[in-house]
Amino acid sequence: MKTNLVHYRICVCNINYHIVWSVKYRRKVLTQEIESYLNDLARMIAEEKGFTIKPL
């Protein structure tokens, strides 16, 4: 458990988010191309904002 902690100068934290994509009628919307684009976009934003994305 302690390996998941992020240490900053004045605090220690462990924040996790789980994103679920739910669409009307449960159709397959996230094709391989869209999934790749969203993954790249999330990683680009994470790099810009200074946080990390851990793989599943």
PDB file of N, CA and C in Angstrom:
ATOM      1  N   MET A   1       0.813  -1.186   0.000  1.00  0.00           N
ATOM      2  CA  MET A   1       0.000   0.000   0.000  1.00  0.00           C
ATOM      3  C   MET A   1       0.861   1.256   0.000  1.00  0.00           C
ATOM      4  N   LYS A   2       1.943   1.271   0.723  1.00  0.00           N
ATOM      5  CA  LYS A   2       2.779   2.457   0.816  1.00  0.00           C
ATOM      6  C   LYS A   2       3.470   2.796  -0.501  1.00  0.00           C
ATOM      7  N   THR A   3       3.593   1.848  -1.411  1.00  0.00           N
ATOM      8  CA  THR A   3       4.237   2.130  -2.693  1.00  0.00           C
ATOM      9  C   THR A   3       3.351   2.986  -3.588  1.00  0.00           C
ATOM     10  N   ASN A   4       2.041   3.078  -3.301  1.00  0.00           N
ATOM     11  CA  ASN A   4       1.125   3.873  -4.109  1.00  0.00           C
ATOM     12  C   ASN A   4       1.108   5.344  -3.711  1.00  0.00           C
ATOM     13  N   LEU A   5       1.793   5.700  -2.641  1.00  0.00           N
ATOM     14  CA  LEU A   5       1.763   7.066  -2.146  1.00  0.00           C
ATOM     15  C   LEU A   5       2.673   7.970  -2.968  1.00  0.00           C
ATOM     16  N   VAL A   6       2.197   9.196  -3.188  1.00  0.00           N
ATOM     17  CA  VAL A   6       2.979  10.209  -3.895  1.00  0.00           C
ATOM     18  C   VAL A   6       3.405  11.235  -2.860  1.00  0.00           C
ATOM     19  N   HIS A   7       4.703  11.490  -2.770  1.00  0.00           N
ATOM     20  CA  HIS A   7       5.247  12.409  -1.773  1.00  0.00           C
ATOM     21  C   HIS A   7       5.551  13.754  -2.422  1.00  0.00           C
ATOM     22  N   TYR A   8       4.955  14.787  -1.836  1.00  0.00           N
ATOM     23  CA  TYR A   8       5.237  16.152  -2.239  1.00  0.00           C
ATOM     24  C   TYR A   8       5.977  16.850  -1.098  1.00  0.00           C
ATOM     25  N   ARG A   9       6.291  18.098  -1.270  1.00  0.00           N
ATOM     26  CA  ARG A   9       7.063  18.825  -0.266  1.00  0.00           C
ATOM     27  C   ARG A   9       6.345  18.927   1.077  1.00  0.00           C
ATOM     28  N   ILE A  10       5.035  19.162   1.049  1.00  0.00           N
ATOM     29  CA  ILE A  10       4.312  19.352   2.308  1.00  0.00           C
ATOM     30  C   ILE A  10       3.179  18.348   2.524  1.00  0.00           C
ATOM     31  N   CYS A  11       3.032  17.378   1.630  1.00  0.00           N
ATOM     32  CA  CYS A  11       1.946  16.423   1.816  1.00  0.00           C
ATOM     33  C   CYS A  11       2.262  15.090   1.134  1.00  0.00           C
ATOM     34  N   VAL A  12       1.471  14.099   1.475  1.00  0.00           N
ATOM     35  CA  VAL A  12       1.549  12.774   0.873  1.00  0.00           C
ATOM     36  C   VAL A  12       0.142  12.411   0.448  1.00  0.00           C
ATOM     37  N   CYS A  13      -0.024  11.885  -0.769  1.00  0.00           N
ATOM     38  CA  CYS A  13      -1.381  11.574  -1.220  1.00  0.00           C
ATOM     39  C   CYS A  13      -1.406  10.324  -2.090  1.00  0.00           C
ATOM     40  N   ASN A  14      -2.590   9.829  -2.278  1.00  0.00           N
ATOM     41  CA  ASN A  14      -2.867   8.704  -3.169  1.00  0.00           C
ATOM     42  C   ASN A  14      -4.264   8.916  -3.722  1.00  0.00           C
ATOM     43  N   ILE A  15      -4.367   9.453  -4.928  1.00  0.00           N
ATOM     44  CA  ILE A  15      -5.653   9.751  -5.540  1.00  0.00           C
ATOM     45  C   ILE A  15      -5.797   8.882  -6.782  1.00  0.00           C
ATOM     46  N   ASN A  16      -6.896   8.160  -6.872  1.00  0.00           N
ATOM     47  CA  ASN A  16      -7.155   7.282  -8.012  1.00  0.00           C
ATOM     48  C   ASN A  16      -8.526   7.579  -8.593  1.00  0.00           C
ATOM     49  N   TYR A  17      -8.631   7.558  -9.911  1.00  0.00           N
ATOM     50  CA  TYR A  17      -9.897   7.718 -10.606  1.00  0.00           C
ATOM     51  C   TYR A  17     -10.088   6.528 -11.532  1.00  0.00           C
ATOM     52  N   HIS A  18     -11.320   6.118 -11.679  1.00  0.00           N
ATOM     53  CA  HIS A  18     -11.669   5.045 -12.602  1.00  0.00           C
ATOM     54  C   HIS A  18     -12.733   5.607 -13.535  1.00  0.00           C
ATOM     55  N   ILE A  19     -12.434   5.672 -14.829  1.00  0.00           N
ATOM     56  CA  ILE A  19     -13.356   6.264 -15.797  1.00  0.00           C
ATOM     57  C   ILE A  19     -14.115   5.152 -16.502  1.00  0.00           C
ATOM     58  N   VAL A  20     -15.440   5.271 -16.522  1.00  0.00           N
ATOM     59  CA  VAL A  20     -16.304   4.291 -17.185  1.00  0.00           C
ATOM     60  C   VAL A  20     -17.077   5.018 -18.275  1.00  0.00           C
ATOM     61  N   TRP A  21     -16.981   4.503 -19.483  1.00  0.00           N
ATOM     62  CA  TRP A  21     -17.712   5.074 -20.603  1.00  0.00           C
ATOM     63  C   TRP A  21     -19.009   4.298 -20.777  1.00  0.00           C
ATOM     64  N   SER A  22     -20.119   4.947 -20.544  1.00  0.00           N
ATOM     65  CA  SER A  22     -21.423   4.313 -20.697  1.00  0.00           C
ATOM     66  C   SER A  22     -22.211   5.085 -21.748  1.00  0.00           C
ATOM     67  N   VAL A  23     -22.651   4.389 -22.772  1.00  0.00           N
ATOM     68  CA  VAL A  23     -23.377   5.050 -23.862  1.00  0.00           C
ATOM     69  C   VAL A  23     -24.802   4.516 -23.921  1.00  0.00           C
ATOM     70  N   LYS A  24     -25.658   5.288 -24.550  1.00  0.00           N
ATOM     71  CA  LYS A  24     -27.052   4.890 -24.696  1.00  0.00           C
ATOM     72  C   LYS A  24     -27.133   3.599 -25.499  1.00  0.00           C
ATOM     73  N   TYR A  25     -27.954   2.696 -25.077  1.00  0.00           N
ATOM     74  CA  TYR A  25     -28.196   1.393 -25.704  1.00  0.00           C
ATOM     75  C   TYR A  25     -26.994   0.459 -25.657  1.00  0.00           C
ATOM     76  N   ARG A  26     -25.951   0.827 -24.930  1.00  0.00           N
ATOM     77  CA  ARG A  26     -24.772  -0.031 -24.732  1.00  0.00           C
ATOM     78  C   ARG A  26     -24.122  -0.495 -26.037  1.00  0.00           C
ATOM     79  N   ARG A  27     -24.169   0.344 -27.054  1.00  0.00           N
ATOM     80  CA  ARG A  27     -23.514   0.006 -28.323  1.00  0.00           C
ATOM     81  C   ARG A  27     -22.008   0.141 -28.199  1.00  0.00           C
ATOM     82  N   LYS A  28     -21.270  -0.595 -29.010  1.00  0.00           N
ATOM     83  CA  LYS A  28     -19.812  -0.481 -29.039  1.00  0.00           C
ATOM     84  C   LYS A  28     -19.444   0.807 -29.764  1.00  0.00           C
ATOM     85  N   VAL A  29     -18.980   1.794 -29.016  1.00  0.00           N
ATOM     86  CA  VAL A  29     -18.630   3.085 -29.581  1.00  0.00           C
ATOM     87  C   VAL A  29     -17.120   3.264 -29.632  1.00  0.00           C
ATOM     88  N   LEU A  30     -16.416   2.751 -28.634  1.00  0.00           N
ATOM     89  CA  LEU A  30     -14.974   2.926 -28.584  1.00  0.00           C
ATOM     90  C   LEU A  30     -14.280   1.910 -29.493  1.00  0.00           C
ATOM     91  N   THR A  31     -14.105   2.300 -30.725  1.00  0.00           N
ATOM     92  CA  THR A  31     -13.356   1.465 -31.655  1.00  0.00           C
ATOM     93  C   THR A  31     -11.874   1.569 -31.308  1.00  0.00           C
ATOM     94  N   GLN A  32     -11.060   0.767 -31.922  1.00  0.00           N
ATOM     95  CA  GLN A  32      -9.622   0.779 -31.655  1.00  0.00           C
ATOM     96  C   GLN A  32      -9.032   2.153 -31.943  1.00  0.00           C
ATOM     97  N   GLU A  33      -9.491   2.791 -33.005  1.00  0.00           N
ATOM     98  CA  GLU A  33      -8.984   4.111 -33.381  1.00  0.00           C
ATOM     99  C   GLU A  33      -9.352   5.169 -32.338  1.00  0.00           C
ATOM    100  N   ILE A  34     -10.591   5.172 -31.885  1.00  0.00           N
ATOM    101  CA  ILE A  34     -11.037   6.134 -30.882  1.00  0.00           C
ATOM    102  C   ILE A  34     -10.355   5.867 -29.548  1.00  0.00           C
ATOM    103  N   GLU A  35     -10.219   4.601 -29.188  1.00  0.00           N
ATOM    104  CA  GLU A  35      -9.545   4.251 -27.936  1.00  0.00           C
ATOM    105  C   GLU A  35      -8.097   4.743 -27.933  1.00  0.00           C
ATOM    106  N   SER A  36      -7.417   4.570 -29.046  1.00  0.00           N
ATOM    107  CA  SER A  36      -6.034   5.020 -29.162  1.00  0.00           C
ATOM    108  C   SER A  36      -5.945   6.542 -29.054  1.00  0.00           C
ATOM    109  N   TYR A  37      -6.863   7.241 -29.704  1.00  0.00           N
ATOM    110  CA  TYR A  37      -6.883   8.702 -29.650  1.00  0.00           C
ATOM    111  C   TYR A  37      -7.115   9.194 -28.218  1.00  0.00           C
ATOM    112  N   LEU A  38      -8.090   8.614 -27.516  1.00  0.00           N
ATOM    113  CA  LEU A  38      -8.390   9.026 -26.143  1.00  0.00           C
ATOM    114  C   LEU A  38      -7.227   8.725 -25.200  1.00  0.00           C
ATOM    115  N   ASN A  39      -6.567   7.595 -25.426  1.00  0.00           N
ATOM    116  CA  ASN A  39      -5.405   7.235 -24.613  1.00  0.00           C
ATOM    117  C   ASN A  39      -4.281   8.256 -24.808  1.00  0.00           C
ATOM    118  N   ASP A  40      -4.000   8.594 -26.052  1.00  0.00           N
ATOM    119  CA  ASP A  40      -2.962   9.589 -26.348  1.00  0.00           C
ATOM    120  C   ASP A  40      -3.325  10.957 -25.763  1.00  0.00           C
ATOM    121  N   LEU A  41      -4.587  11.335 -25.881  1.00  0.00           N
ATOM    122  CA  LEU A  41      -5.047  12.620 -25.361  1.00  0.00           C
ATOM    123  C   LEU A  41      -4.906  12.680 -23.840  1.00  0.00           C
ATOM    124  N   ALA A  42      -5.304  11.612 -23.150  1.00  0.00           N
ATOM    125  CA  ALA A  42      -5.196  11.566 -21.693  1.00  0.00           C
ATOM    126  C   ALA A  42      -3.740  11.648 -21.255  1.00  0.00           C
ATOM    127  N   ARG A  43      -2.859  10.950 -21.948  1.00  0.00           N
ATOM    128  CA  ARG A  43      -1.434  10.991 -21.599  1.00  0.00           C
ATOM    129  C   ARG A  43      -0.824  12.369 -21.866  1.00  0.00           C
ATOM    130  N   MET A  44      -1.263  13.016 -22.936  1.00  0.00           N
ATOM    131  CA  MET A  44      -0.772  14.352 -23.247  1.00  0.00           C
ATOM    132  C   MET A  44      -1.219  15.350 -22.163  1.00  0.00           C
ATOM    133  N   ILE A  45      -2.467  15.271 -21.745  1.00  0.00           N
ATOM    134  CA  ILE A  45      -2.973  16.161 -20.695  1.00  0.00           C
ATOM    135  C   ILE A  45      -2.263  15.875 -19.373  1.00  0.00           C
ATOM    136  N   ALA A  46      -2.042  14.594 -19.076  1.00  0.00           N
ATOM    137  CA  ALA A  46      -1.351  14.224 -17.840  1.00  0.00           C
ATOM    138  C   ALA A  46       0.061  14.802 -17.811  1.00  0.00           C
ATOM    139  N   GLU A  47       0.752  14.722 -18.937  1.00  0.00           N
ATOM    140  CA  GLU A  47       2.102  15.271 -19.006  1.00  0.00           C
ATOM    141  C   GLU A  47       2.083  16.790 -18.839  1.00  0.00           C
ATOM    142  N   GLU A  48       1.102  17.432 -19.463  1.00  0.00           N
ATOM    143  CA  GLU A  48       0.984  18.891 -19.385  1.00  0.00           C
ATOM    144  C   GLU A  48       0.647  19.357 -17.962  1.00  0.00           C
ATOM    145  N   LYS A  49      -0.215  18.618 -17.274  1.00  0.00           N
ATOM    146  CA  LYS A  49      -0.674  19.015 -15.936  1.00  0.00           C
ATOM    147  C   LYS A  49       0.200  18.466 -14.814  1.00  0.00           C
ATOM    148  N   GLY A  50       1.088  17.513 -15.129  1.00  0.00           N
ATOM    149  CA  GLY A  50       2.029  17.027 -14.130  1.00  0.00           C
ATOM    150  C   GLY A  50       1.533  15.875 -13.283  1.00  0.00           C
ATOM    151  N   PHE A  51       0.620  15.058 -13.786  1.00  0.00           N
ATOM    152  CA  PHE A  51       0.227  13.869 -13.041  1.00  0.00           C
ATOM    153  C   PHE A  51       0.517  12.614 -13.851  1.00  0.00           C
ATOM    154  N   THR A  52       0.414  11.457 -13.217  1.00  0.00           N
ATOM    155  CA  THR A  52       0.766  10.211 -13.890  1.00  0.00           C
ATOM    156  C   THR A  52      -0.468   9.346 -14.103  1.00  0.00           C
ATOM    157  N   ILE A  53      -0.410   8.562 -15.169  1.00  0.00           N
ATOM    158  CA  ILE A  53      -1.461   7.586 -15.478  1.00  0.00           C
ATOM    159  C   ILE A  53      -0.832   6.220 -15.343  1.00  0.00           C
ATOM    160  N   LYS A  54      -1.377   5.402 -14.458  1.00  0.00           N
ATOM    161  CA  LYS A  54      -0.850   4.066 -14.265  1.00  0.00           C
ATOM    162  C   LYS A  54      -1.631   3.069 -15.115  1.00  0.00           C
ATOM    163  N   PRO A  55      -0.935   2.147 -15.775  1.00  0.00           N
ATOM    164  CA  PRO A  55      -1.641   1.154 -16.603  1.00  0.00           C
ATOM    165  C   PRO A  55      -2.450   0.194 -15.734  1.00  0.00           C
ATOM    166  N   LEU A  56      -3.443  -0.400 -16.347  1.00  0.00           N
ATOM    167  CA  LEU A  56      -4.289  -1.355 -15.600  1.00  0.00           C
ATOM    168  C   LEU A  56      -3.574  -2.617 -15.278  1.00  0.00           C
TER     169      LEU A  56
END
